[in-house]
Amino acid sequence: MRNIRTLIVDDEPLARARIVNLLNKSDNISIIGECKNGREAMKAIATYKPDLVFLDIQMPDLNGFDVLNSGKLNEVPFIIFVTAFDQYALKAFDVKAVDYLLKPYDEDRFFKALEHARTQINMKDSAILHQKMVNLIEEQKLQSGEVNDVVELKEKGRNILIKVEDLCYIEADGNYLRLHEIDTQHLLRETLQNFETRLEPGIFLRIHRSIIVNTNYIDRVSYKGNNQFQFGMKNGKKLLSSRGYRDEIVKYLDEEALKKKVVR
């Protein structure tokens, strides 16, 4: 288990000393600094990037909420608020504090808050490690020329796996993609450009800056003039290409015509 890098912020020296004393009784805690006001806290958080901050709320100049809402922190660490005033409790949880210590607190309450924070930090570490592993695997697949054959997404709290080969076409929709199967569709937060890297070029054809079709699900193609084509898909949808993709579409149609001649 790695050390949790911890910062203590309180304008009262005795309050900081008590937290230091309690943390020294805990394993895997590294105290990286103490701050006596909000401005020092902002600078220390930005510079040292602690995992956990014990943060007083009422302080001269900037209070604890001002520190978090300053907009100057690229990444906000896990926070345990420490204060003598209980009216801030709801607001503390509004800014996603992991716990709230009301002075005077006893050791049991302190260590309960610390363990809660430790659990949250370990969960974050596990999630980051998992994502790094996923990214590494995806990168290796791309470098080796492999393509992803399954899309994993979450709908209504359930994880869903969709085979890429079952997608009729993919359509950009703002910050999302609509993944169209024959009789249903799914939303995925992804860009079309990134998603295209997992598609097999010989099977998927981009016909528009916001549409990629699965050529196995093309029912018919008709020329509409002005270098545009209409794709009738097997799910009944009709998709109009853009002029900028004329060359790719003509190449696909020529290859299809050649295949049919070979078959004959």
Protein backbone atom coordinates (compact mmCIF):
# COMPACT_ATOMS: atom_id res chain seq x y z
CA MET A 1 0.00 0.00 0.00
CA ARG A 2 1.48 3.35 -1.03
CA ASN A 3 1.85 6.36 1.21
CA ILE A 4 -0.94 8.91 1.13
CA ARG A 5 0.58 12.35 0.63
CA THR A 6 -1.29 14.61 3.03
CA LEU A 7 -1.52 18.38 3.47
CA ILE A 8 -2.87 20.10 6.61
CA VAL A 9 -4.56 23.50 6.33
CA ASP A 10 -5.73 25.35 9.45
CA ASP A 11 -5.12 28.86 10.77
CA GLU A 12 -4.79 27.53 14.35
CA PRO A 13 -1.35 26.06 15.20
CA LEU A 14 -2.79 23.80 17.92
CA ALA A 15 -5.36 22.41 15.48
CA ARG A 16 -2.63 21.61 12.94
CA ALA A 17 -0.47 20.05 15.66
CA ARG A 18 -3.28 17.73 16.73
CA ILE A 19 -3.83 16.47 13.19
CA VAL A 20 -0.10 15.92 12.78
CA ASN A 21 -0.02 13.94 16.04
CA LEU A 22 -2.91 11.72 14.96
CA LEU A 23 -1.53 11.16 11.47
CA ASN A 24 1.80 10.08 12.96
CA LYS A 25 -0.06 7.22 14.59
CA SER A 26 -1.26 5.99 11.20
CA ASP A 27 0.57 3.82 8.71
CA ASN A 28 1.29 4.88 5.14
CA ILE A 29 0.76 8.59 5.68
CA SER A 30 3.29 11.17 4.46
CA ILE A 31 2.71 14.72 5.72
CA ILE A 32 3.98 16.93 2.91
CA GLY A 33 3.21 20.29 4.50
CA GLU A 34 1.17 22.60 6.69
CA CYS A 35 -0.61 25.80 5.68
CA LYS A 36 -2.08 28.53 7.89
CA ASN A 37 -4.36 30.21 5.35
CA GLY A 38 -6.19 29.72 2.06
CA ARG A 39 -3.61 31.34 -0.18
CA GLU A 40 -0.85 29.11 1.14
CA ALA A 41 -3.17 26.14 0.65
CA MET A 42 -3.84 26.94 -3.02
CA LYS A 43 -0.14 27.29 -3.74
CA ALA A 44 0.75 24.07 -1.87
CA ILE A 45 -2.00 22.02 -3.54
CA ALA A 46 -0.98 23.24 -7.00
CA THR A 47 2.72 22.64 -6.31
CA TYR A 48 2.78 19.39 -4.36
CA LYS A 49 -0.46 17.75 -5.60
CA PRO A 50 -1.40 15.98 -2.36
CA ASP A 51 -3.68 12.96 -2.29
CA LEU A 52 -5.53 14.21 0.79
CA VAL A 53 -6.06 17.59 2.45
CA PHE A 54 -7.38 18.27 5.93
CA LEU A 55 -8.95 21.66 5.23
CA ASP A 56 -10.27 24.18 7.75
CA ILE A 57 -13.26 26.15 6.53
CA GLN A 58 -13.11 29.46 8.39
CA MET A 59 -9.74 31.10 7.81
CA PRO A 60 -8.55 34.67 7.23
CA ASP A 61 -8.54 35.95 3.65
CA LEU A 62 -9.76 32.83 1.82
CA ASN A 63 -11.91 30.16 3.45
CA GLY A 64 -11.82 26.47 2.59
CA PHE A 65 -14.58 26.75 -0.01
CA ASP A 66 -12.81 29.67 -1.68
CA VAL A 67 -9.73 27.48 -2.06
CA LEU A 68 -11.65 24.75 -3.86
CA ASN A 69 -13.76 27.11 -5.96
CA SER A 70 -10.91 29.38 -7.03
CA GLY A 71 -10.63 27.76 -10.45
CA LYS A 72 -6.85 27.69 -10.07
CA LEU A 73 -6.57 24.00 -9.18
CA ASN A 74 -6.20 21.68 -12.16
CA GLU A 75 -6.97 18.68 -9.98
CA VAL A 76 -8.75 18.83 -6.62
CA PRO A 77 -7.45 16.29 -4.07
CA PHE A 78 -9.63 14.36 -1.65
CA ILE A 79 -10.79 16.70 1.12
CA ILE A 80 -11.65 16.19 4.79
CA PHE A 81 -13.12 19.43 6.08
CA VAL A 82 -12.29 20.33 9.68
CA THR A 83 -14.33 23.07 11.37
CA ALA A 84 -16.00 24.17 14.58
CA PHE A 85 -19.17 25.19 12.75
CA ASP A 86 -21.70 22.56 11.78
CA GLN A 87 -23.71 24.83 9.43
CA TYR A 88 -21.19 24.08 6.67
CA ALA A 89 -21.77 20.33 6.61
CA LEU A 90 -24.19 20.19 3.66
CA LYS A 91 -22.13 22.62 1.62
CA ALA A 92 -19.03 20.52 2.31
CA PHE A 93 -20.62 17.48 0.73
CA ASP A 94 -21.86 19.60 -2.17
CA VAL A 95 -18.20 20.05 -3.15
CA LYS A 96 -17.66 16.28 -2.77
CA ALA A 97 -15.66 16.27 0.44
CA VAL A 98 -15.01 12.70 1.57
CA ASP A 99 -15.76 13.59 5.20
CA TYR A 100 -16.46 16.39 7.65
CA LEU A 101 -14.86 16.61 11.10
CA LEU A 102 -16.64 18.84 13.58
CA LYS A 103 -14.37 20.26 16.28
CA PRO A 104 -13.86 19.02 18.92
CA TYR A 105 -13.63 15.48 17.48
CA ASP A 106 -12.29 12.37 19.18
CA GLU A 107 -9.66 9.99 17.85
CA ASP A 108 -12.19 7.37 16.76
CA ARG A 109 -14.04 9.90 14.62
CA PHE A 110 -10.75 11.15 13.14
CA PHE A 111 -9.54 7.69 12.17
CA LYS A 112 -12.94 6.79 10.73
CA ALA A 113 -12.69 9.82 8.43
CA LEU A 114 -9.10 8.92 7.54
CA GLU A 115 -10.02 5.34 6.62
CA HIS A 116 -12.93 6.58 4.54
CA ALA A 117 -10.53 8.83 2.63
CA ARG A 118 -8.00 6.00 2.28
CA THR A 119 -10.70 3.79 0.73
CA GLN A 120 -11.65 6.50 -1.77
CA ILE A 121 -8.01 7.11 -2.71
CA ASN A 122 -7.35 3.39 -3.22
CA MET A 123 -10.46 3.10 -5.40
CA LYS A 124 -9.24 6.02 -7.51
CA ASP A 125 -5.78 4.44 -7.82
CA SER A 126 -7.36 1.15 -8.93
CA ALA A 127 -9.51 2.92 -11.51
CA ILE A 128 -6.52 4.83 -12.88
CA LEU A 129 -4.43 1.65 -13.04
CA HIS A 130 -7.26 -0.18 -14.81
CA GLN A 131 -7.60 2.62 -17.37
CA LYS A 132 -3.86 2.66 -17.97
CA MET A 133 -3.96 -1.09 -18.59
CA VAL A 134 -6.88 -0.69 -21.00
CA ASN A 135 -5.09 2.14 -22.83
CA LEU A 136 -1.93 0.06 -23.10
CA ILE A 137 -3.81 -2.91 -24.52
CA GLU A 138 -5.62 -0.68 -27.02
CA GLU A 139 -2.35 0.94 -28.07
CA GLN A 140 -0.72 -2.46 -28.60
CA LYS A 141 -3.68 -3.58 -30.68
CA LEU A 142 -3.44 -0.51 -32.88
CA GLN A 143 0.32 -0.92 -33.30
CA SER A 144 -0.09 -4.58 -34.24
CA GLY A 145 -2.83 -3.79 -36.73
CA GLU A 146 -5.55 -5.46 -34.68
CA VAL A 147 -8.98 -3.90 -34.44
CA ASN A 148 -11.42 -3.88 -31.54
CA ASP A 149 -14.34 -6.19 -32.21
CA VAL A 150 -16.45 -5.26 -29.16
CA VAL A 151 -17.74 -1.95 -27.80
CA GLU A 152 -18.45 -1.79 -24.07
CA LEU A 153 -20.87 0.84 -22.79
CA LYS A 154 -23.22 1.42 -19.88
CA GLU A 155 -26.96 1.89 -20.23
CA LYS A 156 -29.34 2.28 -17.27
CA GLY A 157 -26.67 1.01 -14.90
CA ARG A 158 -25.93 -2.11 -16.96
CA ASN A 159 -22.75 -2.88 -18.88
CA ILE A 160 -23.53 -3.76 -22.50
CA LEU A 161 -21.22 -5.38 -25.03
CA ILE A 162 -21.88 -4.72 -28.73
CA LYS A 163 -20.06 -6.43 -31.55
CA VAL A 164 -18.63 -3.88 -33.97
CA GLU A 165 -19.57 -6.14 -36.88
CA ASP A 166 -23.23 -5.83 -35.82
CA LEU A 167 -23.25 -2.06 -36.29
CA CYS A 168 -25.20 -0.98 -39.34
CA TYR A 169 -23.77 2.54 -39.27
CA ILE A 170 -22.24 5.03 -36.83
CA GLU A 171 -23.44 8.61 -36.65
CA ALA A 172 -21.89 11.58 -34.80
CA ASP A 173 -24.33 13.45 -32.55
CA GLY A 174 -22.71 16.34 -30.70
CA ASN A 175 -20.29 14.95 -28.12
CA TYR A 176 -21.72 11.46 -28.61
CA LEU A 177 -21.97 8.76 -31.24
CA ARG A 178 -25.16 6.94 -32.15
CA LEU A 179 -24.31 3.31 -32.78
CA HIS A 180 -27.07 1.95 -35.03
CA GLU A 181 -27.80 -1.76 -35.14
CA ILE A 182 -30.57 -3.19 -37.34
CA ASP A 183 -33.33 -2.62 -34.81
CA THR A 184 -31.82 -0.50 -32.03
CA GLN A 185 -29.29 2.21 -31.30
CA HIS A 186 -26.96 3.14 -28.46
CA LEU A 187 -25.23 6.34 -27.32
CA LEU A 188 -21.49 6.37 -26.73
CA ARG A 189 -19.48 9.37 -25.54
CA GLU A 190 -16.71 9.32 -28.12
CA THR A 191 -15.58 11.20 -31.21
CA LEU A 192 -16.08 9.70 -34.64
CA GLN A 193 -12.41 10.25 -35.47
CA ASN A 194 -11.26 8.19 -32.47
CA PHE A 195 -13.89 5.51 -33.00
CA GLU A 196 -12.88 5.12 -36.65
CA THR A 197 -9.46 3.81 -35.54
CA ARG A 198 -11.09 0.63 -34.22
CA LEU A 199 -12.95 -0.10 -37.45
CA GLU A 200 -11.73 -2.39 -40.20
CA PRO A 201 -11.14 -0.25 -43.32
CA GLY A 202 -12.26 -2.94 -45.76
CA ILE A 203 -15.62 -3.25 -44.01
CA PHE A 204 -16.46 0.26 -42.84
CA LEU A 205 -16.75 3.21 -45.20
CA ARG A 206 -16.93 6.87 -44.25
CA ILE A 207 -19.48 8.62 -46.44
CA HIS A 208 -19.86 11.86 -44.52
CA ARG A 209 -17.87 13.74 -41.88
CA SER A 210 -20.46 12.52 -39.38
CA ILE A 211 -21.41 9.08 -40.79
CA ILE A 212 -19.57 5.77 -41.23
CA VAL A 213 -21.44 2.81 -42.72
CA ASN A 214 -20.87 -0.91 -42.45
CA THR A 215 -20.69 -2.05 -46.08
CA ASN A 216 -22.15 -5.44 -45.12
CA TYR A 217 -25.39 -3.63 -44.28
CA ILE A 218 -25.68 -1.60 -47.49
CA ASP A 219 -28.79 -2.61 -49.42
CA ARG A 220 -28.42 -0.26 -52.39
CA VAL A 221 -26.54 2.84 -53.51
CA SER A 222 -27.94 5.45 -55.88
CA TYR A 223 -26.35 8.55 -57.36
CA LYS A 224 -28.24 11.74 -56.48
CA GLY A 225 -26.19 14.21 -58.52
CA ASN A 226 -23.72 16.87 -57.45
CA ASN A 227 -21.23 14.16 -56.41
CA GLN A 228 -23.59 12.84 -53.73
CA PHE A 229 -24.84 9.30 -53.19
CA GLN A 230 -27.75 7.90 -51.23
CA PHE A 231 -27.10 4.73 -49.24
CA GLY A 232 -30.10 2.55 -48.52
CA MET A 233 -29.27 0.47 -45.45
CA LYS A 234 -30.73 -2.91 -44.52
CA ASN A 235 -32.42 -1.37 -41.48
CA GLY A 236 -34.47 0.84 -43.81
CA LYS A 237 -32.54 4.06 -43.23
CA LYS A 238 -31.44 6.25 -46.14
CA LEU A 239 -28.16 8.12 -45.69
CA LEU A 240 -26.90 10.88 -47.95
CA SER A 241 -23.16 11.19 -48.50
CA SER A 242 -21.27 14.46 -48.65
CA ARG A 243 -19.34 15.59 -51.72
CA GLY A 244 -16.02 15.50 -49.89
CA TYR A 245 -16.14 11.68 -49.72
CA ARG A 246 -16.93 11.12 -53.40
CA ASP A 247 -13.57 9.53 -54.23
CA GLU A 248 -13.73 6.97 -51.40
CA ILE A 249 -17.29 6.04 -52.37
CA VAL A 250 -16.49 5.67 -56.07
CA LYS A 251 -13.52 3.47 -55.21
CA TYR A 252 -15.76 1.27 -53.05
CA LEU A 253 -18.39 1.00 -55.81
CA ASP A 254 -15.73 0.10 -58.40
CA GLU A 255 -14.36 -2.62 -56.12
CA GLU A 256 -17.84 -4.01 -55.54
CA ALA A 257 -18.52 -4.06 -59.27
CA LEU A 258 -15.23 -5.88 -59.87
CA LYS A 259 -16.11 -8.49 -57.23
CA LYS A 260 -19.43 -9.19 -58.92
CA LYS A 261 -17.70 -9.64 -62.30
CA VAL A 262 -15.24 -12.06 -60.73
CA VAL A 263 -18.04 -14.06 -59.19
CA ARG A 264 -19.79 -14.34 -62.53
